[in-house]
């Protein structure tokens, strides 16, 4: 896929423009968005992602479009899983509702920067060392097993990581919220606010999720431009999705299992691809393993859509049955 330099700059520029509008318009006016407002914005970003895929199809062909759509759907489903953790973080720190949008906005900006770094590093490593696909595949399969063991629900408690505990111990903080401000001056001393701690929690959590999502999408496409744009579109609508279906997320009881299946499939796909193009000396004498199939992107896209559809339907059916059973028992 030949992407001109100006297209890269235009894409990054458009993303920066959207983020600037969010920061300077929404960031200065903290509020709880209505369902209609969140729905309009989410529909805009999803529609933009779909139209972008059609543009990829028009200019680069159906195969690259399928790679983009597969990557976008995978990243979007992993981003929905992020929302569970975001909800827990917001509840743990008692973030006022009108400030949640600002906290999410800054957290998503941090996530975009971190993923941009991971995408660049991943592309460089893949170009230099083909055997890294073995590591990516093994890591995704390991992650899938962990997710499957969690069962139908995510952890209900959020444990602060070591970095966050170090920051809280190192920097004095106020207990009171001061709007969207990250620091305040109190009695001549500069103190961090709870908003600063929450944003750090969201940012470090995004970093951990990037460790899963970047190898996963590189299992579907090796085009850095498609990896970047799929991640951009998956994250840019995340804030609206949080407010639109925050309460409904609890009904996706099989999401972890569905994601485990997806990650395991992509992990196996990566390992098979690595075998198909093997150059590791101690595997088959450094020669390609010809019996290992290279799964086409059309099959990958079909599996992703099918798993997400089955996961959603099965989750809603079970949630409905549990709700009816609870009403009957009471």
Foldseek 3Di string as FASTA:
>chain_A
DDDDPVNVVVVVVVLVVLLVCCCVPCVVFQAQDDLVVLVVQLCVLVVVLVVVLVVCCVPPNDQVSLLLVLLLLLLLLLLLVLLLVLVLLCVVLVPPNSQSLVLLSLLLVLLLVLLVVVLVVVLVCCVVPVLCLLVLLVVLLVLLVVLVVVAQDDDNHDDDDPVLVVCPVPFAEDSDDDRCDQWDADPNDIGGYSSVSSSVRSNVSSNVSSSNSSSLSCLRPSDSVSNSSSNSSSSVSSSSVCSNCVVVSSLLRCSSNLSSVLSNVSSLLSVLVCLQCAQDCVPPNRHRDPVRDNDRSVVSSVSSVVSVVVSVVVSNVVSVVVVVVVVVVD
